[in-house]
Amino acid sequence: MSENRLSIPQYAMALAHVASLRSEDPYRKVGAAALDHDNRVIATAYNGLAPGFNAPSDFWADREGRQKFMLHAEINLCSLFKRGEAKIVATTTMPCTACMQTLCAYGIKEIYFQEIYRASDAPEIAKLYNITLRQITDFPMSVDQSRLA
């Protein structure tokens, strides 16, 4: 294997980061990617509003008020495959407790994330269900691109 070749976790995280760029949320852009048992990409998703919903222009101004309407990247991702199809999920932020529970229900065995979400019980859930939960910070595009401009 070439020393320049991305590892599977780095590859998945780079895909999740690219997916996050599609999020319409001006405050928090979260992306996710799912790979199957052969490490093939089966889906990418991001946080946002339900498909086909066009928010009024003032919708984004109230961050607290709009949060209950936002669909998390992991939930959007799981809507794109059947239980047992995906082995790996990468997400730009550690899954919240509810998303971690959903990923368990879908049979995910490995979860990679970039940013820690301290309000999440994901580490405890992962331990109970023997799921790999690992932070990955070294991958293409992991540097804040705004600092490079």
C-alpha atoms as a PDB file:
ATOM      1  CA  MET A   1       0.000   0.000   0.000  1.00  0.00           C
ATOM      2  CA  SER A   2       1.327   3.435  -0.892  1.00  0.00           C
ATOM      3  CA  GLU A   3       2.270   5.622   2.069  1.00  0.00           C
ATOM      4  CA  ASN A   4       0.376   8.486   0.364  1.00  0.00           C
ATOM      5  CA  ARG A   5      -2.846   6.490   0.112  1.00  0.00           C
ATOM      6  CA  LEU A   6      -5.630   7.583   2.457  1.00  0.00           C
ATOM      7  CA  SER A   7      -6.743   5.141   5.105  1.00  0.00           C
ATOM      8  CA  ILE A   8     -10.413   4.145   4.996  1.00  0.00           C
ATOM      9  CA  PRO A   9     -11.254   6.370   8.017  1.00  0.00           C
ATOM     10  CA  GLN A  10      -9.495   9.348   6.368  1.00  0.00           C
ATOM     11  CA  TYR A  11     -11.312   8.672   3.078  1.00  0.00           C
ATOM     12  CA  ALA A  12     -14.688   8.470   4.818  1.00  0.00           C
ATOM     13  CA  MET A  13     -14.013  11.640   6.822  1.00  0.00           C
ATOM     14  CA  ALA A  14     -13.028  13.576   3.691  1.00  0.00           C
ATOM     15  CA  LEU A  15     -16.323  12.499   2.085  1.00  0.00           C
ATOM     16  CA  ALA A  16     -18.267  13.565   5.184  1.00  0.00           C
ATOM     17  CA  HIS A  17     -16.556  16.954   5.126  1.00  0.00           C
ATOM     18  CA  VAL A  18     -17.453  17.501   1.461  1.00  0.00           C
ATOM     19  CA  ALA A  19     -21.064  16.534   2.210  1.00  0.00           C
ATOM     20  CA  SER A  20     -21.157  19.116   5.019  1.00  0.00           C
ATOM     21  CA  LEU A  21     -20.529  21.860   2.465  1.00  0.00           C
ATOM     22  CA  ARG A  22     -24.071  21.285   1.132  1.00  0.00           C
ATOM     23  CA  SER A  23     -25.732  22.127   4.458  1.00  0.00           C
ATOM     24  CA  GLU A  24     -27.915  25.216   4.372  1.00  0.00           C
ATOM     25  CA  ASP A  25     -27.457  25.800   8.110  1.00  0.00           C
ATOM     26  CA  PRO A  26     -25.379  28.963   8.511  1.00  0.00           C
ATOM     27  CA  TYR A  27     -24.371  28.065  12.090  1.00  0.00           C
ATOM     28  CA  ARG A  28     -23.427  24.378  11.987  1.00  0.00           C
ATOM     29  CA  LYS A  29     -22.636  22.359   8.906  1.00  0.00           C
ATOM     30  CA  VAL A  30     -22.510  18.615   9.547  1.00  0.00           C
ATOM     31  CA  GLY A  31     -21.828  15.993   6.913  1.00  0.00           C
ATOM     32  CA  ALA A  32     -21.860  12.207   6.963  1.00  0.00           C
ATOM     33  CA  ALA A  33     -20.786   9.356   4.713  1.00  0.00           C
ATOM     34  CA  ALA A  34     -21.576   5.634   4.776  1.00  0.00           C
ATOM     35  CA  LEU A  35     -19.412   2.835   3.401  1.00  0.00           C
ATOM     36  CA  ASP A  36     -20.463  -0.764   2.900  1.00  0.00           C
ATOM     37  CA  HIS A  37     -18.639  -3.927   4.015  1.00  0.00           C
ATOM     38  CA  ASP A  38     -16.277  -3.626   1.016  1.00  0.00           C
ATOM     39  CA  ASN A  39     -15.515   0.035   1.839  1.00  0.00           C
ATOM     40  CA  ARG A  40     -17.542   1.305  -1.094  1.00  0.00           C
ATOM     41  CA  VAL A  41     -19.440   4.576  -0.680  1.00  0.00           C
ATOM     42  CA  ILE A  42     -23.162   3.963  -0.465  1.00  0.00           C
ATOM     43  CA  ALA A  43     -24.420   7.355   0.716  1.00  0.00           C
ATOM     44  CA  THR A  44     -23.540  10.872   1.800  1.00  0.00           C
ATOM     45  CA  ALA A  45     -25.780  13.340   3.618  1.00  0.00           C
ATOM     46  CA  TYR A  46     -25.791  16.574   5.594  1.00  0.00           C
ATOM     47  CA  ASN A  47     -27.902  18.376   8.174  1.00  0.00           C
ATOM     48  CA  GLY A  48     -30.746  20.479   6.921  1.00  0.00           C
ATOM     49  CA  LEU A  49     -34.456  20.843   6.479  1.00  0.00           C
ATOM     50  CA  ALA A  50     -36.783  18.213   5.062  1.00  0.00           C
ATOM     51  CA  PRO A  51     -36.462  17.814   1.295  1.00  0.00           C
ATOM     52  CA  GLY A  52     -38.629  20.242  -0.641  1.00  0.00           C
ATOM     53  CA  PHE A  53     -39.160  22.648   2.248  1.00  0.00           C
ATOM     54  CA  ASN A  54     -38.185  26.213   1.433  1.00  0.00           C
ATOM     55  CA  ALA A  55     -37.626  28.164   4.623  1.00  0.00           C
ATOM     56  CA  PRO A  56     -38.737  31.782   4.842  1.00  0.00           C
ATOM     57  CA  SER A  57     -35.858  34.269   4.821  1.00  0.00           C
ATOM     58  CA  ASP A  58     -36.101  35.003   8.559  1.00  0.00           C
ATOM     59  CA  PHE A  59     -36.037  31.290   9.490  1.00  0.00           C
ATOM     60  CA  TRP A  60     -32.260  31.134   9.934  1.00  0.00           C
ATOM     61  CA  ALA A  61     -32.093  34.165  12.240  1.00  0.00           C
ATOM     62  CA  ASP A  62     -33.524  32.293  15.247  1.00  0.00           C
ATOM     63  CA  ARG A  63     -30.948  29.590  15.910  1.00  0.00           C
ATOM     64  CA  GLU A  64     -32.688  28.178  18.988  1.00  0.00           C
ATOM     65  CA  GLY A  65     -36.146  28.248  17.414  1.00  0.00           C
ATOM     66  CA  ARG A  66     -35.157  26.454  14.230  1.00  0.00           C
ATOM     67  CA  GLN A  67     -33.158  23.614  15.842  1.00  0.00           C
ATOM     68  CA  LYS A  68     -36.217  21.397  16.371  1.00  0.00           C
ATOM     69  CA  PHE A  69     -36.869  21.461  12.631  1.00  0.00           C
ATOM     70  CA  MET A  70     -33.358  20.483  11.534  1.00  0.00           C
ATOM     71  CA  LEU A  71     -32.750  16.918  10.390  1.00  0.00           C
ATOM     72  CA  HIS A  72     -29.375  15.630  11.529  1.00  0.00           C
ATOM     73  CA  ALA A  73     -26.885  14.402   8.946  1.00  0.00           C
ATOM     74  CA  GLU A  74     -26.891  10.876  10.415  1.00  0.00           C
ATOM     75  CA  ILE A  75     -30.684  10.597  10.170  1.00  0.00           C
ATOM     76  CA  ASN A  76     -30.631  11.827   6.578  1.00  0.00           C
ATOM     77  CA  LEU A  77     -27.826   9.332   5.867  1.00  0.00           C
ATOM     78  CA  CYS A  78     -29.683   6.350   7.335  1.00  0.00           C
ATOM     79  CA  SER A  79     -32.703   7.168   5.158  1.00  0.00           C
ATOM     80  CA  LEU A  80     -30.552   6.239   2.132  1.00  0.00           C
ATOM     81  CA  PHE A  81     -29.732   2.605   2.952  1.00  0.00           C
ATOM     82  CA  LYS A  82     -31.209  -0.490   4.602  1.00  0.00           C
ATOM     83  CA  ARG A  83     -30.241  -1.952   7.947  1.00  0.00           C
ATOM     84  CA  GLY A  84     -27.055  -3.983   7.644  1.00  0.00           C
ATOM     85  CA  GLU A  85     -25.913  -2.447   4.337  1.00  0.00           C
ATOM     86  CA  ALA A  86     -23.449   0.001   5.878  1.00  0.00           C
ATOM     87  CA  LYS A  87     -20.486  -0.938   8.059  1.00  0.00           C
ATOM     88  CA  ILE A  88     -18.800   2.451   8.459  1.00  0.00           C
ATOM     89  CA  VAL A  89     -20.222   5.907   9.072  1.00  0.00           C
ATOM     90  CA  ALA A  90     -18.077   9.021   9.204  1.00  0.00           C
ATOM     91  CA  THR A  91     -19.547  12.265  10.457  1.00  0.00           C
ATOM     92  CA  THR A  92     -17.963  15.664  10.931  1.00  0.00           C
ATOM     93  CA  THR A  93     -19.327  15.886  14.498  1.00  0.00           C
ATOM     94  CA  MET A  94     -19.672  13.048  17.022  1.00  0.00           C
ATOM     95  CA  PRO A  95     -23.247  11.745  16.813  1.00  0.00           C
ATOM     96  CA  CYS A  96     -25.677  13.053  19.397  1.00  0.00           C
ATOM     97  CA  THR A  97     -27.234  10.427  21.657  1.00  0.00           C
ATOM     98  CA  ALA A  98     -30.329   9.944  19.465  1.00  0.00           C
ATOM     99  CA  CYS A  99     -28.273   9.663  16.262  1.00  0.00           C
ATOM    100  CA  MET A 100     -25.919   7.183  17.927  1.00  0.00           C
ATOM    101  CA  GLN A 101     -28.918   5.075  18.894  1.00  0.00           C
ATOM    102  CA  THR A 102     -30.143   5.205  15.306  1.00  0.00           C
ATOM    103  CA  LEU A 103     -26.728   4.181  13.955  1.00  0.00           C
ATOM    104  CA  CYS A 104     -26.780   1.205  16.351  1.00  0.00           C
ATOM    105  CA  ALA A 105     -30.221   0.218  15.086  1.00  0.00           C
ATOM    106  CA  TYR A 106     -28.850   0.263  11.521  1.00  0.00           C
ATOM    107  CA  GLY A 107     -26.060  -2.125  12.470  1.00  0.00           C
ATOM    108  CA  ILE A 108     -23.136   0.268  11.986  1.00  0.00           C
ATOM    109  CA  LYS A 109     -19.885  -1.262  13.303  1.00  0.00           C
ATOM    110  CA  GLU A 110     -17.444   1.661  12.935  1.00  0.00           C
ATOM    111  CA  ILE A 111     -18.117   5.364  13.462  1.00  0.00           C
ATOM    112  CA  TYR A 112     -15.533   8.056  12.824  1.00  0.00           C
ATOM    113  CA  PHE A 113     -15.931  11.733  13.660  1.00  0.00           C
ATOM    114  CA  GLN A 114     -13.900  14.931  13.644  1.00  0.00           C
ATOM    115  CA  GLU A 115     -15.355  17.203  16.341  1.00  0.00           C
ATOM    116  CA  ILE A 116     -16.255  16.004  19.827  1.00  0.00           C
ATOM    117  CA  TYR A 117     -19.816  16.678  20.974  1.00  0.00           C
ATOM    118  CA  ARG A 118     -19.635  16.703  24.767  1.00  0.00           C
ATOM    119  CA  ALA A 119     -23.407  16.542  25.307  1.00  0.00           C
ATOM    120  CA  SER A 120     -23.525  13.117  23.628  1.00  0.00           C
ATOM    121  CA  ASP A 121     -23.658   9.687  25.246  1.00  0.00           C
ATOM    122  CA  ALA A 122     -22.136   8.196  22.072  1.00  0.00           C
ATOM    123  CA  PRO A 123     -18.962   6.882  23.772  1.00  0.00           C
ATOM    124  CA  GLU A 124     -20.971   4.995  26.399  1.00  0.00           C
ATOM    125  CA  ILE A 125     -23.379   3.600  23.781  1.00  0.00           C
ATOM    126  CA  ALA A 126     -20.496   2.545  21.523  1.00  0.00           C
ATOM    127  CA  LYS A 127     -18.814   0.733  24.389  1.00  0.00           C
ATOM    128  CA  LEU A 128     -21.976  -1.185  25.315  1.00  0.00           C
ATOM    129  CA  TYR A 129     -22.616  -2.286  21.716  1.00  0.00           C
ATOM    130  CA  ASN A 130     -18.928  -2.901  20.909  1.00  0.00           C
ATOM    131  CA  ILE A 131     -18.874  -0.289  18.141  1.00  0.00           C
ATOM    132  CA  THR A 132     -15.657   1.419  17.125  1.00  0.00           C
ATOM    133  CA  LEU A 133     -16.023   5.158  17.829  1.00  0.00           C
ATOM    134  CA  ARG A 134     -12.883   7.070  16.949  1.00  0.00           C
ATOM    135  CA  GLN A 135     -11.942  10.682  16.396  1.00  0.00           C
ATOM    136  CA  ILE A 136     -10.166  11.358  13.092  1.00  0.00           C
ATOM    137  CA  THR A 137      -8.646  14.806  12.653  1.00  0.00           C
ATOM    138  CA  ASP A 138      -5.978  14.143  10.017  1.00  0.00           C
ATOM    139  CA  PHE A 139      -7.652  13.899   6.615  1.00  0.00           C
ATOM    140  CA  PRO A 140      -7.819  15.984   3.437  1.00  0.00           C
ATOM    141  CA  MET A 141      -9.763  19.189   3.963  1.00  0.00           C
ATOM    142  CA  SER A 142      -9.592  18.893   7.755  1.00  0.00           C
ATOM    143  CA  VAL A 143      -7.901  22.292   7.878  1.00  0.00           C
ATOM    144  CA  ASP A 144     -10.216  25.284   8.095  1.00  0.00           C
ATOM    145  CA  GLN A 145     -10.295  26.367   4.454  1.00  0.00           C
ATOM    146  CA  SER A 146     -11.269  29.950   5.359  1.00  0.00           C
ATOM    147  CA  ARG A 147      -7.798  30.464   6.883  1.00  0.00           C
ATOM    148  CA  LEU A 148      -6.199  29.574   3.536  1.00  0.00           C
ATOM    149  CA  ALA A 149      -7.970  32.271   1.519  1.00  0.00           C
END
